[in-house]
N, C-alpha and C. Protein backbone atom coordinates (compact mmCIF):
# COMPACT_ATOMS: atom_id res chain seq x y z
N MET A 1 4.45 19.17 -24.26
CA MET A 1 5.29 19.06 -25.41
C MET A 1 4.52 19.55 -26.63
N ASP A 2 5.19 20.30 -27.49
CA ASP A 2 4.57 20.82 -28.70
C ASP A 2 4.78 19.85 -29.86
N TYR A 3 3.80 19.83 -30.76
CA TYR A 3 3.92 19.02 -31.98
C TYR A 3 4.62 19.85 -33.04
N MET A 4 5.57 19.26 -33.71
CA MET A 4 6.25 19.92 -34.82
C MET A 4 6.03 19.06 -36.06
N PRO A 5 5.71 19.70 -37.18
CA PRO A 5 5.50 18.92 -38.41
C PRO A 5 6.82 18.38 -38.94
N GLY A 6 6.73 17.30 -39.65
CA GLY A 6 7.91 16.78 -40.32
C GLY A 6 8.21 15.35 -39.95
N LYS A 7 9.17 14.81 -40.67
CA LYS A 7 9.64 13.45 -40.43
C LYS A 7 11.10 13.50 -40.00
N PRO A 8 11.53 12.51 -39.21
CA PRO A 8 12.94 12.46 -38.84
C PRO A 8 13.82 12.35 -40.09
N LEU A 9 14.88 13.11 -40.09
CA LEU A 9 15.78 13.15 -41.25
C LEU A 9 16.34 11.77 -41.58
N ASP A 10 16.61 10.95 -40.59
CA ASP A 10 17.17 9.63 -40.88
C ASP A 10 16.20 8.73 -41.65
N GLU A 11 14.91 9.03 -41.59
CA GLU A 11 13.92 8.23 -42.32
C GLU A 11 13.78 8.64 -43.79
N VAL A 12 14.20 9.84 -44.13
CA VAL A 12 14.01 10.31 -45.51
C VAL A 12 15.32 10.56 -46.25
N TRP A 13 16.44 10.55 -45.55
CA TRP A 13 17.73 10.95 -46.14
C TRP A 13 18.02 10.21 -47.44
N ASP A 14 17.84 8.91 -47.47
CA ASP A 14 18.19 8.13 -48.66
C ASP A 14 17.30 8.42 -49.86
N THR A 15 16.18 9.09 -49.66
CA THR A 15 15.27 9.41 -50.76
C THR A 15 15.51 10.82 -51.32
N LEU A 16 16.38 11.59 -50.69
CA LEU A 16 16.58 12.98 -51.07
C LEU A 16 17.57 13.11 -52.23
N SER A 17 17.37 14.16 -53.02
CA SER A 17 18.30 14.46 -54.10
C SER A 17 19.54 15.14 -53.51
N PRO A 18 20.63 15.19 -54.25
CA PRO A 18 21.82 15.89 -53.76
C PRO A 18 21.54 17.36 -53.41
N SER A 19 20.71 18.03 -54.19
CA SER A 19 20.43 19.44 -53.89
C SER A 19 19.60 19.58 -52.61
N GLN A 20 18.68 18.65 -52.37
CA GLN A 20 17.90 18.69 -51.13
C GLN A 20 18.81 18.43 -49.92
N LYS A 21 19.72 17.48 -50.05
CA LYS A 21 20.67 17.20 -48.97
C LYS A 21 21.54 18.43 -48.69
N GLN A 22 21.98 19.08 -49.75
CA GLN A 22 22.81 20.28 -49.59
C GLN A 22 22.02 21.38 -48.88
N SER A 23 20.77 21.56 -49.26
CA SER A 23 19.93 22.57 -48.63
C SER A 23 19.76 22.30 -47.14
N ILE A 24 19.51 21.05 -46.78
CA ILE A 24 19.35 20.69 -45.37
C ILE A 24 20.65 20.93 -44.62
N ALA A 25 21.77 20.55 -45.21
CA ALA A 25 23.07 20.76 -44.56
C ALA A 25 23.32 22.25 -44.31
N GLU A 26 22.98 23.10 -45.27
CA GLU A 26 23.16 24.54 -45.10
C GLU A 26 22.24 25.10 -44.02
N GLN A 27 21.00 24.61 -43.96
CA GLN A 27 20.09 25.04 -42.90
C GLN A 27 20.65 24.66 -41.53
N LEU A 28 21.12 23.42 -41.42
CA LEU A 28 21.65 22.95 -40.14
C LEU A 28 22.90 23.72 -39.74
N ARG A 29 23.74 24.03 -40.71
CA ARG A 29 24.93 24.83 -40.42
C ARG A 29 24.52 26.17 -39.82
N GLY A 30 23.49 26.78 -40.36
CA GLY A 30 23.02 28.06 -39.83
C GLY A 30 22.48 27.93 -38.41
N TYR A 31 21.72 26.88 -38.14
CA TYR A 31 21.18 26.68 -36.79
C TYR A 31 22.28 26.40 -35.78
N ILE A 32 23.25 25.57 -36.16
CA ILE A 32 24.36 25.28 -35.24
C ILE A 32 25.19 26.54 -34.99
N SER A 33 25.38 27.35 -36.01
CA SER A 33 26.10 28.62 -35.83
C SER A 33 25.37 29.52 -34.84
N GLN A 34 24.05 29.56 -34.93
CA GLN A 34 23.27 30.36 -33.98
C GLN A 34 23.45 29.85 -32.56
N LEU A 35 23.40 28.52 -32.39
CA LEU A 35 23.61 27.95 -31.05
C LEU A 35 24.99 28.31 -30.51
N ARG A 36 26.00 28.19 -31.35
CA ARG A 36 27.38 28.42 -30.89
C ARG A 36 27.66 29.90 -30.63
N ASN A 37 26.79 30.77 -31.07
CA ASN A 37 26.93 32.19 -30.74
C ASN A 37 26.44 32.51 -29.33
N LEU A 38 25.73 31.56 -28.71
CA LEU A 38 25.28 31.74 -27.33
C LEU A 38 26.42 31.34 -26.40
N LYS A 39 26.90 32.28 -25.61
CA LYS A 39 28.05 32.04 -24.74
C LYS A 39 27.60 31.60 -23.35
N GLY A 40 28.46 30.84 -22.69
CA GLY A 40 28.16 30.36 -21.35
C GLY A 40 29.31 30.64 -20.40
N ASN A 41 29.04 30.46 -19.11
CA ASN A 41 30.10 30.64 -18.12
C ASN A 41 30.33 29.37 -17.31
N TYR A 42 29.78 28.26 -17.75
CA TYR A 42 30.03 26.96 -17.14
C TYR A 42 29.84 25.89 -18.20
N ILE A 43 30.36 24.69 -17.94
CA ILE A 43 30.18 23.55 -18.83
C ILE A 43 29.18 22.63 -18.17
N GLY A 44 28.03 22.48 -18.81
CA GLY A 44 26.97 21.64 -18.25
C GLY A 44 25.69 21.82 -19.04
N ALA A 45 24.65 21.18 -18.56
CA ALA A 45 23.34 21.29 -19.20
C ALA A 45 22.78 22.70 -19.02
N ILE A 46 21.81 23.04 -19.83
CA ILE A 46 21.25 24.39 -19.80
C ILE A 46 20.66 24.73 -18.44
N ASP A 47 20.18 23.72 -17.71
CA ASP A 47 19.63 23.95 -16.37
C ASP A 47 20.69 23.79 -15.28
N ARG A 48 21.92 23.90 -15.69
CA ARG A 48 23.10 23.72 -14.83
C ARG A 48 23.20 22.29 -14.31
N GLY A 49 22.68 21.37 -15.09
CA GLY A 49 22.77 19.95 -14.75
C GLY A 49 24.08 19.35 -15.22
N THR A 50 24.15 18.03 -15.15
CA THR A 50 25.38 17.33 -15.46
C THR A 50 25.66 17.26 -16.96
N VAL A 51 26.92 17.00 -17.27
CA VAL A 51 27.39 16.76 -18.62
C VAL A 51 27.29 15.26 -18.88
N SER A 52 26.85 14.89 -20.06
CA SER A 52 26.83 13.49 -20.47
C SER A 52 27.79 13.35 -21.64
N MET A 53 28.72 12.40 -21.52
CA MET A 53 29.72 12.24 -22.56
C MET A 53 30.07 10.76 -22.66
N GLY A 54 30.46 10.33 -23.82
CA GLY A 54 30.95 8.98 -23.98
C GLY A 54 30.52 8.36 -25.28
N LYS A 55 31.46 7.69 -25.91
CA LYS A 55 31.17 7.03 -27.18
C LYS A 55 30.53 5.67 -26.98
N TRP A 56 30.93 4.94 -25.95
CA TRP A 56 30.43 3.59 -25.74
C TRP A 56 29.41 3.51 -24.63
N GLY A 57 29.05 4.58 -24.07
CA GLY A 57 28.07 4.62 -22.99
C GLY A 57 28.30 5.91 -22.24
N PRO A 58 27.23 6.52 -21.78
CA PRO A 58 27.40 7.83 -21.16
C PRO A 58 28.08 7.76 -19.80
N ILE A 59 28.89 8.77 -19.56
CA ILE A 59 29.40 9.04 -18.22
C ILE A 59 28.90 10.44 -17.88
N TYR A 60 28.67 10.68 -16.62
CA TYR A 60 28.07 11.95 -16.20
C TYR A 60 28.99 12.64 -15.21
N GLY A 61 29.01 13.96 -15.30
CA GLY A 61 29.80 14.76 -14.37
C GLY A 61 29.39 16.21 -14.47
N GLY A 62 29.90 16.99 -13.54
CA GLY A 62 29.65 18.42 -13.58
C GLY A 62 28.34 18.82 -12.96
N PRO A 63 27.95 20.06 -13.18
CA PRO A 63 28.52 21.03 -14.11
C PRO A 63 29.90 21.50 -13.65
N PHE A 64 30.64 22.07 -14.58
CA PHE A 64 32.01 22.49 -14.33
C PHE A 64 32.12 24.00 -14.50
N ASP A 65 32.70 24.65 -13.50
CA ASP A 65 32.88 26.10 -13.57
C ASP A 65 34.16 26.49 -14.28
N SER A 66 35.09 25.56 -14.41
CA SER A 66 36.33 25.87 -15.12
C SER A 66 36.69 24.72 -16.04
N GLU A 67 37.38 25.06 -17.09
CA GLU A 67 37.77 24.05 -18.06
C GLU A 67 38.97 23.25 -17.56
N GLN A 68 40.04 23.95 -17.21
CA GLN A 68 41.27 23.25 -16.84
C GLN A 68 41.15 22.54 -15.50
N GLN A 69 40.69 23.24 -14.50
CA GLN A 69 40.68 22.70 -13.16
C GLN A 69 39.70 21.55 -12.99
N GLU A 70 38.59 21.60 -13.67
CA GLU A 70 37.54 20.61 -13.42
C GLU A 70 37.21 19.74 -14.63
N PHE A 71 36.85 20.36 -15.74
CA PHE A 71 36.38 19.60 -16.90
C PHE A 71 37.47 18.70 -17.48
N ASN A 72 38.65 19.27 -17.73
CA ASN A 72 39.73 18.46 -18.29
C ASN A 72 40.14 17.34 -17.35
N GLN A 73 40.12 17.60 -16.05
CA GLN A 73 40.46 16.56 -15.09
C GLN A 73 39.43 15.44 -15.12
N TRP A 74 38.18 15.79 -15.28
CA TRP A 74 37.12 14.79 -15.39
C TRP A 74 37.34 13.89 -16.61
N ILE A 75 37.69 14.51 -17.74
CA ILE A 75 37.98 13.74 -18.95
C ILE A 75 39.17 12.81 -18.71
N LEU A 76 40.23 13.36 -18.12
CA LEU A 76 41.42 12.54 -17.85
C LEU A 76 41.13 11.38 -16.92
N ASN A 77 40.34 11.61 -15.90
CA ASN A 77 40.02 10.54 -14.97
C ASN A 77 39.32 9.39 -15.67
N ASP A 78 38.45 9.71 -16.62
CA ASP A 78 37.75 8.66 -17.36
C ASP A 78 38.70 7.93 -18.30
N LEU A 79 39.56 8.68 -18.96
CA LEU A 79 40.49 8.08 -19.92
C LEU A 79 41.60 7.29 -19.26
N SER A 80 42.08 7.78 -18.14
CA SER A 80 43.33 7.26 -17.59
C SER A 80 43.23 5.86 -17.03
N SER A 81 42.05 5.38 -16.76
CA SER A 81 41.94 4.06 -16.15
C SER A 81 42.57 2.97 -17.02
N GLY A 82 42.57 3.14 -18.31
CA GLY A 82 43.14 2.13 -19.18
C GLY A 82 44.41 2.54 -19.89
N LEU A 83 45.01 3.65 -19.48
CA LEU A 83 46.19 4.15 -20.17
C LEU A 83 47.48 3.81 -19.45
N SER A 84 48.51 3.56 -20.23
CA SER A 84 49.84 3.40 -19.65
C SER A 84 50.35 4.78 -19.23
N ALA A 85 51.39 4.81 -18.44
CA ALA A 85 51.94 6.09 -17.95
C ALA A 85 52.34 7.02 -19.09
N PRO A 86 53.02 6.54 -20.14
CA PRO A 86 53.37 7.46 -21.23
C PRO A 86 52.14 8.03 -21.95
N LEU A 87 51.12 7.20 -22.14
CA LEU A 87 49.91 7.71 -22.79
C LEU A 87 49.15 8.69 -21.91
N ARG A 88 49.13 8.44 -20.61
CA ARG A 88 48.48 9.37 -19.69
C ARG A 88 49.21 10.72 -19.73
N TYR A 89 50.53 10.69 -19.72
CA TYR A 89 51.32 11.92 -19.80
C TYR A 89 50.95 12.69 -21.07
N TYR A 90 50.88 11.98 -22.19
CA TYR A 90 50.51 12.61 -23.45
C TYR A 90 49.11 13.21 -23.36
N ALA A 91 48.17 12.46 -22.82
CA ALA A 91 46.79 12.95 -22.71
C ALA A 91 46.72 14.20 -21.84
N GLU A 92 47.46 14.21 -20.73
CA GLU A 92 47.46 15.38 -19.84
C GLU A 92 47.95 16.62 -20.56
N HIS A 93 48.92 16.46 -21.44
CA HIS A 93 49.49 17.61 -22.13
C HIS A 93 48.77 17.93 -23.44
N ALA A 94 47.93 17.03 -23.90
CA ALA A 94 47.17 17.28 -25.12
C ALA A 94 45.92 18.11 -24.85
N LEU A 95 45.37 17.98 -23.64
CA LEU A 95 44.18 18.75 -23.29
C LEU A 95 44.59 20.19 -22.99
N THR A 96 43.98 21.11 -23.68
CA THR A 96 44.28 22.52 -23.46
C THR A 96 43.08 23.19 -22.82
N ASP A 97 43.31 24.39 -22.34
CA ASP A 97 42.21 25.16 -21.76
C ASP A 97 42.14 26.51 -22.46
N GLY A 98 41.23 27.33 -22.01
CA GLY A 98 41.07 28.66 -22.59
C GLY A 98 40.09 28.70 -23.75
N HIS A 99 39.38 27.61 -23.97
CA HIS A 99 38.38 27.61 -25.04
C HIS A 99 37.18 28.45 -24.62
N GLU A 100 36.53 29.02 -25.59
CA GLU A 100 35.29 29.74 -25.33
C GLU A 100 34.19 28.71 -25.06
N ILE A 101 33.43 28.92 -24.01
CA ILE A 101 32.33 28.02 -23.68
C ILE A 101 31.10 28.50 -24.44
N VAL A 102 30.56 27.61 -25.28
CA VAL A 102 29.41 27.97 -26.11
C VAL A 102 28.33 26.91 -25.97
N PHE A 103 27.13 27.28 -26.35
CA PHE A 103 25.99 26.37 -26.29
C PHE A 103 26.08 25.39 -27.46
N THR A 104 25.72 24.16 -27.20
CA THR A 104 25.68 23.16 -28.26
C THR A 104 24.58 22.15 -27.97
N HIS A 105 24.36 21.23 -28.86
CA HIS A 105 23.34 20.19 -28.70
C HIS A 105 24.06 18.89 -28.37
N SER A 106 23.68 18.25 -27.29
CA SER A 106 24.42 17.07 -26.84
C SER A 106 24.04 15.79 -27.57
N ASP A 107 22.97 15.81 -28.35
CA ASP A 107 22.55 14.60 -29.07
C ASP A 107 22.12 14.97 -30.48
N PHE A 108 23.00 15.66 -31.18
CA PHE A 108 22.70 16.14 -32.52
C PHE A 108 22.87 14.98 -33.50
N SER A 109 21.76 14.45 -33.97
CA SER A 109 21.81 13.34 -34.93
C SER A 109 20.59 13.40 -35.83
N SER A 110 20.64 12.68 -36.92
CA SER A 110 19.57 12.76 -37.92
C SER A 110 18.22 12.30 -37.37
N ARG A 111 18.21 11.47 -36.36
CA ARG A 111 16.93 11.04 -35.78
C ARG A 111 16.27 12.17 -34.97
N ASN A 112 17.05 13.19 -34.61
CA ASN A 112 16.54 14.32 -33.83
C ASN A 112 16.33 15.57 -34.66
N ILE A 113 16.32 15.42 -35.96
CA ILE A 113 16.09 16.54 -36.87
C ILE A 113 14.84 16.24 -37.68
N LEU A 114 13.87 17.14 -37.64
CA LEU A 114 12.65 16.96 -38.42
C LEU A 114 12.69 17.84 -39.66
N VAL A 115 12.25 17.27 -40.78
CA VAL A 115 12.14 18.01 -42.03
C VAL A 115 10.73 17.85 -42.57
N ASP A 116 10.25 18.88 -43.24
CA ASP A 116 8.89 18.89 -43.77
C ASP A 116 8.91 18.54 -45.25
N GLU A 117 8.31 17.41 -45.58
CA GLU A 117 8.25 16.97 -46.98
C GLU A 117 7.43 17.91 -47.85
N ASN A 118 6.52 18.65 -47.24
CA ASN A 118 5.63 19.53 -47.99
C ASN A 118 6.24 20.90 -48.26
N SER A 119 7.42 21.16 -47.75
CA SER A 119 8.05 22.46 -47.97
C SER A 119 9.46 22.27 -48.51
N ASP A 120 9.61 21.33 -49.42
CA ASP A 120 10.91 21.01 -50.02
C ASP A 120 11.96 20.72 -48.96
N TYR A 121 11.54 19.99 -47.94
CA TYR A 121 12.43 19.48 -46.90
C TYR A 121 13.13 20.58 -46.11
N GLN A 122 12.33 21.55 -45.70
CA GLN A 122 12.84 22.55 -44.77
C GLN A 122 12.95 21.92 -43.38
N VAL A 123 13.99 22.29 -42.65
CA VAL A 123 14.14 21.80 -41.28
C VAL A 123 13.06 22.48 -40.44
N THR A 124 12.26 21.68 -39.75
CA THR A 124 11.19 22.24 -38.91
C THR A 124 11.52 22.18 -37.43
N ALA A 125 12.44 21.29 -37.04
CA ALA A 125 12.78 21.20 -35.62
C ALA A 125 14.08 20.43 -35.43
N ILE A 126 14.78 20.82 -34.38
CA ILE A 126 15.90 20.04 -33.86
C ILE A 126 15.46 19.64 -32.47
N LEU A 127 15.23 18.35 -32.28
CA LEU A 127 14.67 17.86 -31.02
C LEU A 127 15.75 17.65 -29.97
N ASP A 128 15.33 17.76 -28.73
CA ASP A 128 16.25 17.54 -27.61
C ASP A 128 16.06 16.14 -27.08
């Protein structure tokens, strides 16, 4: 593992000026745009591993070669256990397919972003 200079953004955020916060937000927007320009042909981890998803605890599945046939069905299976028939019907028709598959960060949060206090809070790393 390589050492990257900086402190986690969540530790310094409250001490930053509005202009420093704006600068960090613009830097992060640029980095996320670069990630989303990387196209993929499956839904899963970069090493073709499983997908981790969930607000209250992770669920794992995949990788998925198709959005409609596999990924959306996986989402529905997780959701449907607690849904009434009308809500399940709505969920089935709310999920669409045909989205472009792009690279993203599965745990993008301020604790995983390092900024350098010595360089006017430039982003030095986005940790995995």
